[in-house]
Amino acid sequence: AAPTVSPDGRWIAYEETLTDWEKDAFVAQV
């Protein structure tokens, strides 16, 4: 989710949600 282009167009930051069974959570990371 949330693809975010850097002002200079070089990079795209985005959120990827991963499944953490141990913590019983869906966790979004950069």
Full PDB file with SEQRES, HELIX, SHEET, SSBOND, CRYST1, ORIGX, SCALE, CONECT and MASTER records, all heavy atoms in Angstrom:
SEQRES   1 A   30  ALA ALA PRO THR VAL SER PRO ASP GLY ARG TRP ILE ALA          
SEQRES   2 A   30  TYR GLU GLU THR LEU THR ASP TRP GLU LYS ASP ALA PHE          
SEQRES   3 A   30  VAL ALA GLN VAL                                              
SHEET    1 AA1 2 THR A   4  VAL A   5  0                                        
SHEET    2 AA1 2 ILE A  12  ALA A  13 -1                                        
SHEET    1 AA2 2 GLU A  16  ASP A  20  0                                        
SHEET    2 AA2 2 ALA A  25  GLN A  29 -1                                        
CRYST1    1.000    1.000    1.000  90.00  90.00  90.00 P 1           1          
ORIGX1      1.000000  0.000000  0.000000        0.00000                         
ORIGX2      0.000000  1.000000  0.000000        0.00000                         
ORIGX3      0.000000  0.000000  1.000000        0.00000                         
SCALE1      1.000000  0.000000  0.000000        0.00000                         
SCALE2      0.000000  1.000000  0.000000        0.00000                         
SCALE3      0.000000  0.000000  1.000000        0.00000                         
ATOM      1  N   ALA A   1       0.840  -1.195   0.000  1.00  0.00           N  
ATOM      2  CA  ALA A   1       0.000   0.000   0.000  1.00  0.00           C  
ATOM      3  C   ALA A   1       0.875   1.246   0.000  1.00  0.00           C  
ATOM      4  O   ALA A   1       2.090   1.182   0.210  1.00  0.00           O  
ATOM      5  CB  ALA A   1      -0.914   0.006   1.231  1.00  0.00           C  
ATOM      6  N   ALA A   2       0.243   2.387  -0.226  1.00  0.00           N  
ATOM      7  CA  ALA A   2       0.857   3.710  -0.087  1.00  0.00           C  
ATOM      8  C   ALA A   2       2.160   3.886  -0.846  1.00  0.00           C  
ATOM      9  O   ALA A   2       3.165   4.322  -0.270  1.00  0.00           O  
ATOM     10  CB  ALA A   2       1.065   4.038   1.401  1.00  0.00           C  
ATOM     11  N   PRO A   3       2.211   3.598  -2.157  1.00  0.00           N  
ATOM     12  CA  PRO A   3       3.439   3.877  -2.908  1.00  0.00           C  
ATOM     13  C   PRO A   3       3.692   5.381  -2.925  1.00  0.00           C  
ATOM     14  O   PRO A   3       2.841   6.163  -3.348  1.00  0.00           O  
ATOM     15  CB  PRO A   3       3.127   3.338  -4.305  1.00  0.00           C  
ATOM     16  CG  PRO A   3       1.646   3.428  -4.410  1.00  0.00           C  
ATOM     17  CD  PRO A   3       1.125   3.144  -3.033  1.00  0.00           C  
ATOM     18  N   THR A   4       4.854   5.798  -2.479  1.00  0.00           N  
ATOM     19  CA  THR A   4       5.150   7.211  -2.268  1.00  0.00           C  
ATOM     20  C   THR A   4       6.450   7.555  -2.990  1.00  0.00           C  
ATOM     21  O   THR A   4       7.529   7.166  -2.560  1.00  0.00           O  
ATOM     22  CB  THR A   4       5.257   7.509  -0.760  1.00  0.00           C  
ATOM     23  OG1 THR A   4       4.092   7.010  -0.089  1.00  0.00           O  
ATOM     24  CG2 THR A   4       5.386   8.997  -0.502  1.00  0.00           C  
ATOM     25  N   VAL A   5       6.324   8.308  -4.083  1.00  0.00           N  
ATOM     26  CA  VAL A   5       7.474   8.613  -4.931  1.00  0.00           C  
ATOM     27  C   VAL A   5       8.288   9.739  -4.308  1.00  0.00           C  
ATOM     28  O   VAL A   5       7.733  10.740  -3.836  1.00  0.00           O  
ATOM     29  CB  VAL A   5       7.019   9.019  -6.345  1.00  0.00           C  
ATOM     30  CG1 VAL A   5       8.223   9.256  -7.259  1.00  0.00           C  
ATOM     31  CG2 VAL A   5       6.119   7.947  -6.938  1.00  0.00           C  
ATOM     32  N   SER A   6       9.611   9.583  -4.307  1.00  0.00           N  
ATOM     33  CA  SER A   6      10.469  10.665  -3.819  1.00  0.00           C  
ATOM     34  C   SER A   6      10.339  11.872  -4.747  1.00  0.00           C  
ATOM     35  O   SER A   6      10.037  11.726  -5.940  1.00  0.00           O  
ATOM     36  CB  SER A   6      11.922  10.203  -3.747  1.00  0.00           C  
ATOM     37  OG  SER A   6      12.404   9.837  -5.033  1.00  0.00           O  
ATOM     38  N   PRO A   7      10.542  13.073  -4.236  1.00  0.00           N  
ATOM     39  CA  PRO A   7      10.407  14.268  -5.081  1.00  0.00           C  
ATOM     40  C   PRO A   7      11.248  14.222  -6.349  1.00  0.00           C  
ATOM     41  O   PRO A   7      10.825  14.712  -7.396  1.00  0.00           O  
ATOM     42  CB  PRO A   7      10.839  15.396  -4.150  1.00  0.00           C  
ATOM     43  CG  PRO A   7      10.474  14.908  -2.787  1.00  0.00           C  
ATOM     44  CD  PRO A   7      10.749  13.439  -2.820  1.00  0.00           C  
ATOM     45  N   ASP A   8      12.442  13.608  -6.289  1.00  0.00           N  
ATOM     46  CA  ASP A   8      13.297  13.545  -7.470  1.00  0.00           C  
ATOM     47  C   ASP A   8      12.986  12.355  -8.372  1.00  0.00           C  
ATOM     48  O   ASP A   8      13.627  12.168  -9.414  1.00  0.00           O  
ATOM     49  CB  ASP A   8      14.779  13.530  -7.077  1.00  0.00           C  
ATOM     50  CG  ASP A   8      15.166  12.296  -6.259  1.00  0.00           C  
ATOM     51  OD1 ASP A   8      14.314  11.388  -6.075  1.00  0.00           O  
ATOM     52  OD2 ASP A   8      16.322  12.235  -5.794  1.00  0.00           O  
ATOM     53  N   GLY A   9      12.016  11.508  -7.989  1.00  0.00           N  
ATOM     54  CA  GLY A   9      11.618  10.371  -8.797  1.00  0.00           C  
ATOM     55  C   GLY A   9      12.532   9.173  -8.712  1.00  0.00           C  
ATOM     56  O   GLY A   9      12.287   8.158  -9.374  1.00  0.00           O  
ATOM     57  N   ARG A  10      13.576   9.222  -7.906  1.00  0.00           N  
ATOM     58  CA  ARG A  10      14.563   8.144  -7.828  1.00  0.00           C  
ATOM     59  C   ARG A  10      14.035   6.924  -7.076  1.00  0.00           C  
ATOM     60  O   ARG A  10      14.371   5.779  -7.394  1.00  0.00           O  
ATOM     61  CB  ARG A  10      15.837   8.677  -7.157  1.00  0.00           C  
ATOM     62  CG  ARG A  10      16.828   7.623  -6.686  1.00  0.00           C  
ATOM     63  CD  ARG A  10      17.602   6.978  -7.813  1.00  0.00           C  
ATOM     64  NE  ARG A  10      18.450   5.881  -7.341  1.00  0.00           N  
ATOM     65  CZ  ARG A  10      19.640   6.036  -6.768  1.00  0.00           C  
ATOM     66  NH1 ARG A  10      20.135   7.270  -6.592  1.00  0.00           N  
ATOM     67  NH2 ARG A  10      20.345   4.989  -6.396  1.00  0.00           N  
ATOM     68  N   TRP A  11      13.212   7.145  -6.064  1.00  0.00           N  
ATOM     69  CA  TRP A  11      12.794   6.079  -5.169  1.00  0.00           C  
ATOM     70  C   TRP A  11      11.264   6.011  -5.085  1.00  0.00           C  
ATOM     71  O   TRP A  11      10.580   7.011  -5.289  1.00  0.00           O  
ATOM     72  CB  TRP A  11      13.319   6.301  -3.752  1.00  0.00           C  
ATOM     73  CG  TRP A  11      14.779   6.588  -3.612  1.00  0.00           C  
ATOM     74  CD1 TRP A  11      15.385   7.807  -3.651  1.00  0.00           C  
ATOM     75  CD2 TRP A  11      15.826   5.631  -3.405  1.00  0.00           C  
ATOM     76  NE1 TRP A  11      16.738   7.698  -3.476  1.00  0.00           N  
ATOM     77  CE2 TRP A  11      17.045   6.350  -3.324  1.00  0.00           C  
ATOM     78  CE3 TRP A  11      15.866   4.242  -3.280  1.00  0.00           C  
ATOM     79  CZ2 TRP A  11      18.265   5.730  -3.104  1.00  0.00           C  
ATOM     80  CZ3 TRP A  11      17.079   3.621  -3.062  1.00  0.00           C  
ATOM     81  CH2 TRP A  11      18.257   4.362  -2.981  1.00  0.00           C  
ATOM     82  N   ILE A  12      10.770   4.833  -4.712  1.00  0.00           N  
ATOM     83  CA  ILE A  12       9.375   4.688  -4.298  1.00  0.00           C  
ATOM     84  C   ILE A  12       9.379   3.975  -2.951  1.00  0.00           C  
ATOM     85  O   ILE A  12       9.798   2.810  -2.847  1.00  0.00           O  
ATOM     86  CB  ILE A  12       8.530   3.891  -5.302  1.00  0.00           C  
ATOM     87  CG1 ILE A  12       8.481   4.614  -6.653  1.00  0.00           C  
ATOM     88  CG2 ILE A  12       7.108   3.711  -4.765  1.00  0.00           C  
ATOM     89  CD1 ILE A  12       7.676   3.874  -7.706  1.00  0.00           C  
ATOM     90  N   ALA A  13       8.974   4.690  -1.911  1.00  0.00           N  
ATOM     91  CA  ALA A  13       8.759   4.058  -0.616  1.00  0.00           C  
ATOM     92  C   ALA A  13       7.335   3.518  -0.591  1.00  0.00           C  
ATOM     93  O   ALA A  13       6.430   4.105  -1.185  1.00  0.00           O  
ATOM     94  CB  ALA A  13       8.973   5.067   0.512  1.00  0.00           C  
ATOM     95  N   TYR A  14       7.137   2.404   0.078  1.00  0.00           N  
ATOM     96  CA  TYR A  14       5.787   1.847   0.176  1.00  0.00           C  
ATOM     97  C   TYR A  14       5.666   1.018   1.447  1.00  0.00           C  
ATOM     98  O   TYR A  14       6.671   0.657   2.075  1.00  0.00           O  
ATOM     99  CB  TYR A  14       5.428   1.011  -1.056  1.00  0.00           C  
ATOM    100  CG  TYR A  14       6.288  -0.210  -1.289  1.00  0.00           C  
ATOM    101  CD1 TYR A  14       5.895  -1.466  -0.813  1.00  0.00           C  
ATOM    102  CD2 TYR A  14       7.486  -0.135  -1.994  1.00  0.00           C  
ATOM    103  CE1 TYR A  14       6.667  -2.594  -1.027  1.00  0.00           C  
ATOM    104  CE2 TYR A  14       8.273  -1.250  -2.213  1.00  0.00           C  
ATOM    105  CZ  TYR A  14       7.853  -2.491  -1.726  1.00  0.00           C  
ATOM    106  OH  TYR A  14       8.625  -3.595  -1.934  1.00  0.00           O  
ATOM    107  N   GLU A  15       4.450   0.755   1.842  1.00  0.00           N  
ATOM    108  CA  GLU A  15       4.176  -0.081   3.002  1.00  0.00           C  
ATOM    109  C   GLU A  15       3.903  -1.505   2.543  1.00  0.00           C  
ATOM    110  O   GLU A  15       3.125  -1.717   1.613  1.00  0.00           O  
ATOM    111  CB  GLU A  15       2.961   0.441   3.773  1.00  0.00           C  
ATOM    112  CG  GLU A  15       3.113   1.847   4.317  1.00  0.00           C  
ATOM    113  CD  GLU A  15       1.837   2.345   4.969  1.00  0.00           C  
ATOM    114  OE1 GLU A  15       0.931   1.511   5.204  1.00  0.00           O  
ATOM    115  OE2 GLU A  15       1.719   3.553   5.219  1.00  0.00           O  
ATOM    116  N   GLU A  16       4.550  -2.451   3.183  1.00  0.00           N  
ATOM    117  CA  GLU A  16       4.208  -3.863   2.958  1.00  0.00           C  
ATOM    118  C   GLU A  16       3.805  -4.463   4.295  1.00  0.00           C  
ATOM    119  O   GLU A  16       4.546  -4.374   5.282  1.00  0.00           O  
ATOM    120  CB  GLU A  16       5.360  -4.640   2.344  1.00  0.00           C  
ATOM    121  CG  GLU A  16       4.994  -6.096   2.084  1.00  0.00           C  
ATOM    122  CD  GLU A  16       5.870  -6.789   1.067  1.00  0.00           C  
ATOM    123  OE1 GLU A  16       6.770  -6.138   0.500  1.00  0.00           O  
ATOM    124  OE2 GLU A  16       5.656  -8.000   0.830  1.00  0.00           O  
ATOM    125  N   THR A  17       2.605  -5.058   4.315  1.00  0.00           N  
ATOM    126  CA  THR A  17       2.098  -5.662   5.537  1.00  0.00           C  
ATOM    127  C   THR A  17       2.465  -7.137   5.568  1.00  0.00           C  
ATOM    128  O   THR A  17       2.188  -7.884   4.621  1.00  0.00           O  
ATOM    129  CB  THR A  17       0.576  -5.493   5.635  1.00  0.00           C  
ATOM    130  OG1 THR A  17       0.280  -4.091   5.706  1.00  0.00           O  
ATOM    131  CG2 THR A  17       0.033  -6.162   6.884  1.00  0.00           C  
ATOM    132  N   LEU A  18       3.110  -7.548   6.663  1.00  0.00           N  
ATOM    133  CA  LEU A  18       3.590  -8.905   6.836  1.00  0.00           C  
ATOM    134  C   LEU A  18       2.823  -9.577   7.971  1.00  0.00           C  
ATOM    135  O   LEU A  18       2.299  -8.915   8.874  1.00  0.00           O  
ATOM    136  CB  LEU A  18       5.089  -8.896   7.149  1.00  0.00           C  
ATOM    137  CG  LEU A  18       5.963  -8.083   6.178  1.00  0.00           C  
ATOM    138  CD1 LEU A  18       7.387  -7.994   6.705  1.00  0.00           C  
ATOM    139  CD2 LEU A  18       5.928  -8.680   4.782  1.00  0.00           C  
ATOM    140  N   THR A  19       2.748 -10.895   7.930  1.00  0.00           N  
ATOM    141  CA  THR A  19       2.024 -11.657   8.942  1.00  0.00           C  
ATOM    142  C   THR A  19       2.999 -12.157   9.999  1.00  0.00           C  
ATOM    143  O   THR A  19       3.948 -12.881   9.692  1.00  0.00           O  
ATOM    144  CB  THR A  19       1.289 -12.842   8.301  1.00  0.00           C  
ATOM    145  OG1 THR A  19       0.399 -12.358   7.296  1.00  0.00           O  
ATOM    146  CG2 THR A  19       0.498 -13.617   9.346  1.00  0.00           C  
ATOM    147  N   ASP A  20       2.771 -11.757  11.248  1.00  0.00           N  
ATOM    148  CA  ASP A  20       3.608 -12.174  12.375  1.00  0.00           C  
ATOM    149  C   ASP A  20       2.764 -13.089  13.267  1.00  0.00           C  
ATOM    150  O   ASP A  20       1.962 -12.625  14.086  1.00  0.00           O  
ATOM    151  CB  ASP A  20       4.092 -10.947  13.154  1.00  0.00           C  
ATOM    152  CG  ASP A  20       5.112 -11.288  14.234  1.00  0.00           C  
ATOM    153  OD1 ASP A  20       5.041 -12.399  14.786  1.00  0.00           O  
ATOM    154  OD2 ASP A  20       5.968 -10.429  14.531  1.00  0.00           O  
ATOM    155  N   TRP A  21       2.930 -14.412  13.085  1.00  0.00           N  
ATOM    156  CA  TRP A  21       2.128 -15.355  13.862  1.00  0.00           C  
ATOM    157  C   TRP A  21       2.488 -15.300  15.348  1.00  0.00           C  
ATOM    158  O   TRP A  21       1.614 -15.434  16.207  1.00  0.00           O  
ATOM    159  CB  TRP A  21       2.337 -16.775  13.335  1.00  0.00           C  
ATOM    160  CG  TRP A  21       1.716 -17.041  11.994  1.00  0.00           C  
ATOM    161  CD1 TRP A  21       2.364 -17.194  10.805  1.00  0.00           C  
ATOM    162  CD2 TRP A  21       0.326 -17.202  11.713  1.00  0.00           C  
ATOM    163  NE1 TRP A  21       1.458 -17.430   9.795  1.00  0.00           N  
ATOM    164  CE2 TRP A  21       0.207 -17.441  10.325  1.00  0.00           C  
ATOM    165  CE3 TRP A  21      -0.825 -17.165  12.487  1.00  0.00           C  
ATOM    166  CZ2 TRP A  21      -1.025 -17.651   9.704  1.00  0.00           C  
ATOM    167  CZ3 TRP A  21      -2.058 -17.371  11.874  1.00  0.00           C  
ATOM    168  CH2 TRP A  21      -2.152 -17.612  10.503  1.00  0.00           C  
ATOM    169  N   GLU A  22       3.765 -15.114  15.658  1.00  0.00           N  
ATOM    170  CA  GLU A  22       4.190 -15.110  17.059  1.00  0.00           C  
ATOM    171  C   GLU A  22       3.532 -13.981  17.836  1.00  0.00           C  
ATOM    172  O   GLU A  22       3.076 -14.169  18.973  1.00  0.00           O  
ATOM    173  CB  GLU A  22       5.713 -14.995  17.134  1.00  0.00           C  
ATOM    174  CG  GLU A  22       6.260 -15.078  18.554  1.00  0.00           C  
ATOM    175  CD  GLU A  22       7.777 -15.034  18.598  1.00  0.00           C  
ATOM    176  OE1 GLU A  22       8.421 -15.204  17.537  1.00  0.00           O  
ATOM    177  OE2 GLU A  22       8.316 -14.826  19.703  1.00  0.00           O  
ATOM    178  N   LYS A  23       3.471 -12.790  17.224  1.00  0.00           N  
ATOM    179  CA  LYS A  23       2.840 -11.651  17.884  1.00  0.00           C  
ATOM    180  C   LYS A  23       1.358 -11.536  17.546  1.00  0.00           C  
ATOM    181  O   LYS A  23       0.680 -10.632  18.045  1.00  0.00           O  
ATOM    182  CB  LYS A  23       3.563 -10.370  17.489  1.00  0.00           C  
ATOM    183  CG  LYS A  23       5.011 -10.317  17.980  1.00  0.00           C  
ATOM    184  CD  LYS A  23       5.682  -9.015  17.566  1.00  0.00           C  
ATOM    185  CE  LYS A  23       7.109  -8.956  18.084  1.00  0.00           C  
ATOM    186  NZ  LYS A  23       7.806  -7.710  17.642  1.00  0.00           N  
ATOM    187  N   ASP A  24       0.872 -12.446  16.690  1.00  0.00           N  
ATOM    188  CA  ASP A  24      -0.519 -12.429  16.237  1.00  0.00           C  
ATOM    189  C   ASP A  24      -0.894 -11.045  15.719  1.00  0.00           C  
ATOM    190  O   ASP A  24      -1.801 -10.380  16.226  1.00  0.00           O  
ATOM    191  CB  ASP A  24      -1.475 -12.835  17.360  1.00  0.00           C  
ATOM    192  CG  ASP A  24      -2.890 -13.106  16.851  1.00  0.00           C  
ATOM    193  OD1 ASP A  24      -3.050 -13.336  15.633  1.00  0.00           O  
ATOM    194  OD2 ASP A  24      -3.828 -13.057  17.673  1.00  0.00           O  
ATOM    195  N   ALA A  25      -0.171 -10.603  14.690  1.00  0.00           N  
ATOM    196  CA  ALA A  25      -0.377  -9.251  14.170  1.00  0.00           C  
ATOM    197  C   ALA A  25      -0.054  -9.200  12.682  1.00  0.00           C  
ATOM    198  O   ALA A  25       0.820  -9.925  12.190  1.00  0.00           O  
ATOM    199  CB  ALA A  25       0.505  -8.251  14.915  1.00  0.00           C  
ATOM    200  N   PHE A  26      -0.783  -8.342  11.989  1.00  0.00           N  
ATOM    201  CA  PHE A  26      -0.415  -7.929  10.648  1.00  0.00           C  
ATOM    202  C   PHE A  26       0.358  -6.618  10.814  1.00  0.00           C  
ATOM    203  O   PHE A  26      -0.185  -5.635  11.321  1.00  0.00           O  
ATOM    204  CB  PHE A  26      -1.648  -7.698   9.776  1.00  0.00           C  
ATOM    205  CG  PHE A  26      -2.448  -8.944   9.515  1.00  0.00           C  
ATOM    206  CD1 PHE A  26      -3.733  -9.083  10.021  1.00  0.00           C  
ATOM    207  CD2 PHE A  26      -1.919  -9.985   8.763  1.00  0.00           C  
ATOM    208  CE1 PHE A  26      -4.477 -10.226   9.780  1.00  0.00           C  
ATOM    209  CE2 PHE A  26      -2.653 -11.138   8.516  1.00  0.00           C  
ATOM    210  CZ  PHE A  26      -3.936 -11.263   9.032  1.00  0.00           C  
ATOM    211  N   VAL A  27       1.619  -6.602  10.417  1.00  0.00           N  
ATOM    212  CA  VAL A  27       2.490  -5.469  10.712  1.00  0.00           C  
ATOM    213  C   VAL A  27       2.975  -4.839   9.409  1.00  0.00           C  
ATOM    214  O   VAL A  27       3.603  -5.501   8.573  1.00  0.00           O  
ATOM    215  CB  VAL A  27       3.699  -5.908  11.556  1.00  0.00           C  
ATOM    216  CG1 VAL A  27       4.556  -4.699  11.928  1.00  0.00           C  
ATOM    217  CG2 VAL A  27       3.231  -6.632  12.825  1.00  0.00           C  
ATOM    218  N   ALA A  28       2.696  -3.545   9.236  1.00  0.00           N  
ATOM    219  CA  ALA A  28       3.171  -2.807   8.065  1.00  0.00           C  
ATOM    220  C   ALA A  28       4.587  -2.304   8.318  1.00  0.00           C  
ATOM    221  O   ALA A  28       4.882  -1.776   9.397  1.00  0.00           O  
ATOM    222  CB  ALA A  28       2.244  -1.633   7.758  1.00  0.00           C  
ATOM    223  N   GLN A  29       5.456  -2.453   7.330  1.00  0.00           N  
ATOM    224  CA  GLN A  29       6.831  -1.990   7.415  1.00  0.00           C  
ATOM    225  C   GLN A  29       7.161  -1.127   6.197  1.00  0.00           C  
ATOM    226  O   GLN A  29       6.475  -1.179   5.175  1.00  0.00           O  
ATOM    227  CB  GLN A  29       7.800  -3.163   7.486  1.00  0.00           C  
ATOM    228  CG  GLN A  29       7.595  -4.075   8.677  1.00  0.00           C  
ATOM    229  CD  GLN A  29       7.908  -3.424  10.011  1.00  0.00           C  
ATOM    230  OE1 GLN A  29       8.421  -2.307  10.065  1.00  0.00           O  
ATOM    231  NE2 GLN A  29       7.605  -4.108  11.106  1.00  0.00           N  
ATOM    232  N   VAL A  30       8.221  -0.319   6.324  1.00  0.00           N  
ATOM    233  CA  VAL A  30       8.668   0.534   5.228  1.00  0.00           C  
ATOM    234  C   VAL A  30       9.576  -0.258   4.304  1.00  0.00           C  
ATOM    235  O   VAL A  30      10.578  -0.838   4.738  1.00  0.00           O  
ATOM    236  CB  VAL A  30       9.426   1.774   5.750  1.00  0.00           C  
ATOM    237  CG1 VAL A  30       9.881   2.643   4.563  1.00  0.00           C  
ATOM    238  CG2 VAL A  30       8.567   2.586   6.704  1.00  0.00           C  
TER     239      VAL A  30                                                      
MASTER        0    0    0    0    4    0    0    6  238    1    0    3          
END                                                                             
